Amino acid sequence: MKQDETPNGYVDDHIGNEFDITASYKIYPNLTYMVGFGYLWAGDWFKGTNASFQIDDCYLLMHQLTMTF
């Protein structure tokens, strides 16, 4: 992602790249399990106006159990 307009003094307009993947498994006709993973390669936009600020990448791991009736 890129910022449309970079605010004054910001280091860069590159927000980052994101990768997402999910998988679902139907346990029973009315019960489904879902697991997901996301990873963000954070860009320099998060540094704001401080070029020496250290930015870490972040990730998300989630799971969900859904019952319909």
PDB file of N, CA and C in Angstrom:
ATOM      1  N   MET A   1       0.830  -1.160   0.000  1.00  0.00           N
ATOM      2  CA  MET A   1       0.000   0.000   0.000  1.00  0.00           C
ATOM      3  C   MET A   1       0.883   1.233   0.000  1.00  0.00           C
ATOM      4  N   LYS A   2       0.351   2.265  -0.603  1.00  0.00           N
ATOM      5  CA  LYS A   2       1.027   3.553  -0.608  1.00  0.00           C
ATOM      6  C   LYS A   2       0.033   4.621  -0.201  1.00  0.00           C
ATOM      7  N   GLN A   3       0.516   5.620   0.496  1.00  0.00           N
ATOM      8  CA  GLN A   3      -0.287   6.775   0.880  1.00  0.00           C
ATOM      9  C   GLN A   3      -0.528   7.628  -0.359  1.00  0.00           C
ATOM     10  N   ASP A   4      -1.749   8.113  -0.545  1.00  0.00           N
ATOM     11  CA  ASP A   4      -2.037   8.981  -1.683  1.00  0.00           C
ATOM     12  C   ASP A   4      -1.214  10.262  -1.621  1.00  0.00           C
ATOM     13  N   GLU A   5      -1.238  10.893  -0.474  1.00  0.00           N
ATOM     14  CA  GLU A   5      -0.473  12.115  -0.272  1.00  0.00           C
ATOM     15  C   GLU A   5       0.335  11.968   1.008  1.00  0.00           C
ATOM     16  N   THR A   6       1.624  12.195   0.913  1.00  0.00           N
ATOM     17  CA  THR A   6       2.490  12.094   2.082  1.00  0.00           C
ATOM     18  C   THR A   6       2.413  13.387   2.881  1.00  0.00           C
ATOM     19  N   PRO A   7       2.089  13.293   4.183  1.00  0.00           N
ATOM     20  CA  PRO A   7       2.073  14.506   5.014  1.00  0.00           C
ATOM     21  C   PRO A   7       3.457  15.156   5.052  1.00  0.00           C
ATOM     22  N   ASN A   8       3.481  16.458   5.306  1.00  0.00           N
ATOM     23  CA  ASN A   8       4.746  17.198   5.342  1.00  0.00           C
ATOM     24  C   ASN A   8       5.694  16.609   6.379  1.00  0.00           C
ATOM     25  N   GLY A   9       6.921  16.360   5.966  1.00  0.00           N
ATOM     26  CA  GLY A   9       7.954  15.871   6.861  1.00  0.00           C
ATOM     27  C   GLY A   9       7.998  14.370   7.032  1.00  0.00           C
ATOM     28  N   TYR A  10       7.049  13.638   6.481  1.00  0.00           N
ATOM     29  CA  TYR A  10       7.060  12.182   6.626  1.00  0.00           C
ATOM     30  C   TYR A  10       8.207  11.582   5.824  1.00  0.00           C
ATOM     31  N   VAL A  11       8.764  10.492   6.317  1.00  0.00           N
ATOM     32  CA  VAL A  11       9.922   9.848   5.705  1.00  0.00           C
ATOM     33  C   VAL A  11       9.582   9.286   4.323  1.00  0.00           C
ATOM     34  N   ASP A  12       8.449   8.584   4.201  1.00  0.00           N
ATOM     35  CA  ASP A  12       8.111   7.896   2.954  1.00  0.00           C
ATOM     36  C   ASP A  12       6.601   7.741   2.863  1.00  0.00           C
ATOM     37  N   ASP A  13       6.108   7.359   1.672  1.00  0.00           N
ATOM     38  CA  ASP A  13       4.668   7.142   1.493  1.00  0.00           C
ATOM     39  C   ASP A  13       4.319   5.654   1.390  1.00  0.00           C
ATOM     40  N   HIS A  14       5.291   4.761   1.584  1.00  0.00           N
ATOM     41  CA  HIS A  14       5.062   3.324   1.489  1.00  0.00           C
ATOM     42  C   HIS A  14       4.567   2.786   2.836  1.00  0.00           C
ATOM     43  N   ILE A  15       3.308   2.342   2.900  1.00  0.00           N
ATOM     44  CA  ILE A  15       2.721   1.838   4.142  1.00  0.00           C
ATOM     45  C   ILE A  15       3.175   0.407   4.412  1.00  0.00           C
ATOM     46  N   GLY A  16       3.213  -0.426   3.387  1.00  0.00           N
ATOM     47  CA  GLY A  16       3.683  -1.790   3.577  1.00  0.00           C
ATOM     48  C   GLY A  16       2.982  -2.772   2.664  1.00  0.00           C
ATOM     49  N   ASN A  17       3.330  -4.046   2.806  1.00  0.00           N
ATOM     50  CA  ASN A  17       2.719  -5.143   2.056  1.00  0.00           C
ATOM     51  C   ASN A  17       2.115  -6.127   3.042  1.00  0.00           C
ATOM     52  N   GLU A  18       0.988  -6.720   2.654  1.00  0.00           N
ATOM     53  CA  GLU A  18       0.285  -7.638   3.546  1.00  0.00           C
ATOM     54  C   GLU A  18      -0.014  -8.944   2.821  1.00  0.00           C
ATOM     55  N   PHE A  19       0.090 -10.040   3.578  1.00  0.00           N
ATOM     56  CA  PHE A  19      -0.220 -11.366   3.077  1.00  0.00           C
ATOM     57  C   PHE A  19      -1.227 -11.998   4.031  1.00  0.00           C
ATOM     58  N   ASP A  20      -2.337 -12.522   3.500  1.00  0.00           N
ATOM     59  CA  ASP A  20      -3.376 -13.161   4.301  1.00  0.00           C
ATOM     60  C   ASP A  20      -3.730 -14.511   3.695  1.00  0.00           C
ATOM     61  N   ILE A  21      -3.993 -15.493   4.569  1.00  0.00           N
ATOM     62  CA  ILE A  21      -4.444 -16.798   4.105  1.00  0.00           C
ATOM     63  C   ILE A  21      -5.400 -17.359   5.165  1.00  0.00           C
ATOM     64  N   THR A  22      -6.473 -17.995   4.692  1.00  0.00           N
ATOM     65  CA  THR A  22      -7.427 -18.637   5.593  1.00  0.00           C
ATOM     66  C   THR A  22      -7.771 -20.021   5.053  1.00  0.00           C
ATOM     67  N   ALA A  23      -8.185 -20.890   5.975  1.00  0.00           N
ATOM     68  CA  ALA A  23      -8.635 -22.228   5.599  1.00  0.00           C
ATOM     69  C   ALA A  23      -9.811 -22.597   6.499  1.00  0.00           C
ATOM     70  N   SER A  24     -10.806 -23.257   5.908  1.00  0.00           N
ATOM     71  CA  SER A  24     -11.987 -23.679   6.657  1.00  0.00           C
ATOM     72  C   SER A  24     -12.182 -25.183   6.520  1.00  0.00           C
ATOM     73  N   TYR A  25     -12.700 -25.776   7.584  1.00  0.00           N
ATOM     74  CA  TYR A  25     -12.981 -27.203   7.581  1.00  0.00           C
ATOM     75  C   TYR A  25     -14.357 -27.416   8.199  1.00  0.00           C
ATOM     76  N   LYS A  26     -15.228 -28.079   7.463  1.00  0.00           N
ATOM     77  CA  LYS A  26     -16.575 -28.354   7.948  1.00  0.00           C
ATOM     78  C   LYS A  26     -16.551 -29.639   8.764  1.00  0.00           C
ATOM     79  N   ILE A  27     -16.692 -29.514  10.084  1.00  0.00           N
ATOM     80  CA  ILE A  27     -16.642 -30.653  10.988  1.00  0.00           C
ATOM     81  C   ILE A  27     -17.948 -31.439  10.915  1.00  0.00           C
ATOM     82  N   TYR A  28     -19.045 -30.731  11.038  1.00  0.00           N
ATOM     83  CA  TYR A  28     -20.401 -31.285  10.922  1.00  0.00           C
ATOM     84  C   TYR A  28     -21.184 -30.373   9.988  1.00  0.00           C
ATOM     85  N   PRO A  29     -22.365 -30.766   9.541  1.00  0.00           N
ATOM     86  CA  PRO A  29     -23.128 -29.895   8.640  1.00  0.00           C
ATOM     87  C   PRO A  29     -23.381 -28.487   9.204  1.00  0.00           C
ATOM     88  N   ASN A  30     -23.421 -28.336  10.522  1.00  0.00           N
ATOM     89  CA  ASN A  30     -23.677 -27.020  11.101  1.00  0.00           C
ATOM     90  C   ASN A  30     -22.492 -26.471  11.916  1.00  0.00           C
ATOM     91  N   LEU A  31     -21.320 -27.094  11.842  1.00  0.00           N
ATOM     92  CA  LEU A  31     -20.156 -26.669  12.620  1.00  0.00           C
ATOM     93  C   LEU A  31     -18.937 -26.560  11.711  1.00  0.00           C
ATOM     94  N   THR A  32     -18.346 -25.372  11.671  1.00  0.00           N
ATOM     95  CA  THR A  32     -17.198 -25.105  10.802  1.00  0.00           C
ATOM     96  C   THR A  32     -16.059 -24.506  11.626  1.00  0.00           C
ATOM     97  N   TYR A  33     -14.855 -24.985  11.364  1.00  0.00           N
ATOM     98  CA  TYR A  33     -13.646 -24.445  11.994  1.00  0.00           C
ATOM     99  C   TYR A  33     -12.855 -23.686  10.945  1.00  0.00           C
ATOM    100  N   MET A  34     -12.421 -22.473  11.286  1.00  0.00           N
ATOM    101  CA  MET A  34     -11.651 -21.645  10.366  1.00  0.00           C
ATOM    102  C   MET A  34     -10.370 -21.201  11.064  1.00  0.00           C
ATOM    103  N   VAL A  35      -9.260 -21.229  10.341  1.00  0.00           N
ATOM    104  CA  VAL A  35      -7.982 -20.734  10.852  1.00  0.00           C
ATOM    105  C   VAL A  35      -7.429 -19.740   9.829  1.00  0.00           C
ATOM    106  N   GLY A  36      -6.800 -18.682  10.315  1.00  0.00           N
ATOM    107  CA  GLY A  36      -6.269 -17.666   9.417  1.00  0.00           C
ATOM    108  C   GLY A  36      -4.923 -17.147   9.900  1.00  0.00           C
ATOM    109  N   PHE A  37      -4.142 -16.630   8.952  1.00  0.00           N
ATOM    110  CA  PHE A  37      -2.823 -16.074   9.235  1.00  0.00           C
ATOM    111  C   PHE A  37      -2.639 -14.835   8.377  1.00  0.00           C
ATOM    112  N   GLY A  38      -2.117 -13.790   8.966  1.00  0.00           N
ATOM    113  CA  GLY A  38      -1.812 -12.564   8.237  1.00  0.00           C
ATOM    114  C   GLY A  38      -0.445 -12.044   8.647  1.00  0.00           C
ATOM    115  N   TYR A  39       0.269 -11.450   7.709  1.00  0.00           N
ATOM    116  CA  TYR A  39       1.601 -10.898   7.977  1.00  0.00           C
ATOM    117  C   TYR A  39       1.714  -9.550   7.284  1.00  0.00           C
ATOM    118  N   LEU A  40       2.216  -8.546   8.006  1.00  0.00           N
ATOM    119  CA  LEU A  40       2.408  -7.205   7.449  1.00  0.00           C
ATOM    120  C   LEU A  40       3.885  -6.867   7.462  1.00  0.00           C
ATOM    121  N   TRP A  41       4.424  -6.611   6.279  1.00  0.00           N
ATOM    122  CA  TRP A  41       5.768  -6.072   6.151  1.00  0.00           C
ATOM    123  C   TRP A  41       5.598  -4.558   6.189  1.00  0.00           C
ATOM    124  N   ALA A  42       5.830  -3.976   7.345  1.00  0.00           N
ATOM    125  CA  ALA A  42       5.566  -2.559   7.558  1.00  0.00           C
ATOM    126  C   ALA A  42       6.552  -1.701   6.777  1.00  0.00           C
ATOM    127  N   GLY A  43       6.015  -0.646   6.178  1.00  0.00           N
ATOM    128  CA  GLY A  43       6.833   0.274   5.398  1.00  0.00           C
ATOM    129  C   GLY A  43       7.294   1.464   6.230  1.00  0.00           C
ATOM    130  N   ASP A  44       8.030   2.352   5.596  1.00  0.00           N
ATOM    131  CA  ASP A  44       8.602   3.508   6.285  1.00  0.00           C
ATOM    132  C   ASP A  44       7.570   4.578   6.631  1.00  0.00           C
ATOM    133  N   TRP A  45       6.358   4.475   6.128  1.00  0.00           N
ATOM    134  CA  TRP A  45       5.317   5.459   6.450  1.00  0.00           C
ATOM    135  C   TRP A  45       5.064   5.505   7.956  1.00  0.00           C
ATOM    136  N   PHE A  46       5.190   4.355   8.638  1.00  0.00           N
ATOM    137  CA  PHE A  46       4.939   4.293  10.075  1.00  0.00           C
ATOM    138  C   PHE A  46       6.012   5.014  10.894  1.00  0.00           C
ATOM    139  N   LYS A  47       7.121   5.373  10.291  1.00  0.00           N
ATOM    140  CA  LYS A  47       8.152   6.138  10.993  1.00  0.00           C
ATOM    141  C   LYS A  47       7.719   7.576  11.221  1.00  0.00           C
ATOM    142  N   GLY A  48       6.759   8.034  10.461  1.00  0.00           N
ATOM    143  CA  GLY A  48       6.312   9.415  10.600  1.00  0.00           C
ATOM    144  C   GLY A  48       7.409  10.366  10.176  1.00  0.00           C
ATOM    145  N   THR A  49       7.768  11.287  11.055  1.00  0.00           N
ATOM    146  CA  THR A  49       8.806  12.272  10.737  1.00  0.00           C
ATOM    147  C   THR A  49      10.161  11.897  11.329  1.00  0.00           C
ATOM    148  N   ASN A  50      10.252  10.757  12.015  1.00  0.00           N
ATOM    149  CA  ASN A  50      11.496  10.326  12.661  1.00  0.00           C
ATOM    150  C   ASN A  50      12.131   9.209  11.837  1.00  0.00           C
ATOM    151  N   ALA A  51      13.133   9.541  11.032  1.00  0.00           N
ATOM    152  CA  ALA A  51      13.765   8.568  10.134  1.00  0.00           C
ATOM    153  C   ALA A  51      14.528   7.480  10.889  1.00  0.00           C
ATOM    154  N   SER A  52      14.915   7.714  12.137  1.00  0.00           N
ATOM    155  CA  SER A  52      15.685   6.720  12.886  1.00  0.00           C
ATOM    156  C   SER A  52      14.793   5.767  13.678  1.00  0.00           C
ATOM    157  N   PHE A  53      13.494   5.947  13.628  1.00  0.00           N
ATOM    158  CA  PHE A  53      12.556   5.095  14.363  1.00  0.00           C
ATOM    159  C   PHE A  53      12.577   3.682  13.788  1.00  0.00           C
ATOM    160  N   GLN A  54      12.664   2.660  14.661  1.00  0.00           N
ATOM    161  CA  GLN A  54      12.728   1.261  14.227  1.00  0.00           C
ATOM    162  C   GLN A  54      11.319   0.684  14.111  1.00  0.00           C
ATOM    163  N   ILE A  55      10.958   0.143  12.950  1.00  0.00           N
ATOM    164  CA  ILE A  55       9.646  -0.440  12.702  1.00  0.00           C
ATOM    165  C   ILE A  55       9.787  -1.953  12.598  1.00  0.00           C
ATOM    166  N   ASP A  56       8.936  -2.676  13.329  1.00  0.00           N
ATOM    167  CA  ASP A  56       8.920  -4.137  13.259  1.00  0.00           C
ATOM    168  C   ASP A  56       7.740  -4.604  12.415  1.00  0.00           C
ATOM    169  N   ASP A  57       7.923  -5.718  11.730  1.00  0.00           N
ATOM    170  CA  ASP A  57       6.818  -6.345  11.017  1.00  0.00           C
ATOM    171  C   ASP A  57       5.896  -6.987  12.043  1.00  0.00           C
ATOM    172  N   CYS A  58       4.649  -7.216  11.665  1.00  0.00           N
ATOM    173  CA  CYS A  58       3.723  -7.833  12.619  1.00  0.00           C
ATOM    174  C   CYS A  58       2.917  -8.927  11.932  1.00  0.00           C
ATOM    175  N   TYR A  59       2.365  -9.814  12.744  1.00  0.00           N
ATOM    176  CA  TYR A  59       1.591 -10.929  12.214  1.00  0.00           C
ATOM    177  C   TYR A  59       0.345 -11.148  13.057  1.00  0.00           C
ATOM    178  N   LEU A  60      -0.587 -11.906  12.521  1.00  0.00           N
ATOM    179  CA  LEU A  60      -1.832 -12.238  13.194  1.00  0.00           C
ATOM    180  C   LEU A  60      -2.133 -13.695  12.933  1.00  0.00           C
ATOM    181  N   LEU A  61      -2.467 -14.417  13.981  1.00  0.00           N
ATOM    182  CA  LEU A  61      -2.898 -15.800  13.874  1.00  0.00           C
ATOM    183  C   LEU A  61      -4.253 -15.887  14.569  1.00  0.00           C
ATOM    184  N   MET A  62      -5.265 -16.381  13.872  1.00  0.00           N
ATOM    185  CA  MET A  62      -6.607 -16.428  14.454  1.00  0.00           C
ATOM    186  C   MET A  62      -7.281 -17.744  14.129  1.00  0.00           C
ATOM    187  N   HIS A  63      -8.265 -18.089  14.938  1.00  0.00           N
ATOM    188  CA  HIS A  63      -9.071 -19.266  14.663  1.00  0.00           C
ATOM    189  C   HIS A  63     -10.496 -18.976  15.116  1.00  0.00           C
ATOM    190  N   GLN A  64     -11.440 -19.695  14.520  1.00  0.00           N
ATOM    191  CA  GLN A  64     -12.849 -19.422  14.774  1.00  0.00           C
ATOM    192  C   GLN A  64     -13.645 -20.710  14.627  1.00  0.00           C
ATOM    193  N   LEU A  65     -14.579 -20.888  15.504  1.00  0.00           N
ATOM    194  CA  LEU A  65     -15.500 -22.017  15.466  1.00  0.00           C
ATOM    195  C   LEU A  65     -16.891 -21.443  15.285  1.00  0.00           C
ATOM    196  N   THR A  66     -17.576 -21.824  14.197  1.00  0.00           N
ATOM    197  CA  THR A  66     -18.880 -21.273  13.872  1.00  0.00           C
ATOM    198  C   THR A  66     -19.932 -22.371  13.868  1.00  0.00           C
ATOM    199  N   MET A  67     -21.015 -22.109  14.587  1.00  0.00           N
ATOM    200  CA  MET A  67     -22.136 -23.050  14.600  1.00  0.00           C
ATOM    201  C   MET A  67     -23.374 -22.328  14.076  1.00  0.00           C
ATOM    202  N   THR A  68     -24.010 -22.934  13.095  1.00  0.00           N
ATOM    203  CA  THR A  68     -25.246 -22.362  12.540  1.00  0.00           C
ATOM    204  C   THR A  68     -26.407 -23.276  12.871  1.00  0.00           C
ATOM    205  N   PHE A  69     -27.552 -22.668  13.172  1.00  0.00           N
ATOM    206  CA  PHE A  69     -28.752 -23.461  13.460  1.00  0.00           C
ATOM    207  C   PHE A  69     -29.982 -22.670  13.134  1.00  0.00           C
TER     208      PHE A  69
END
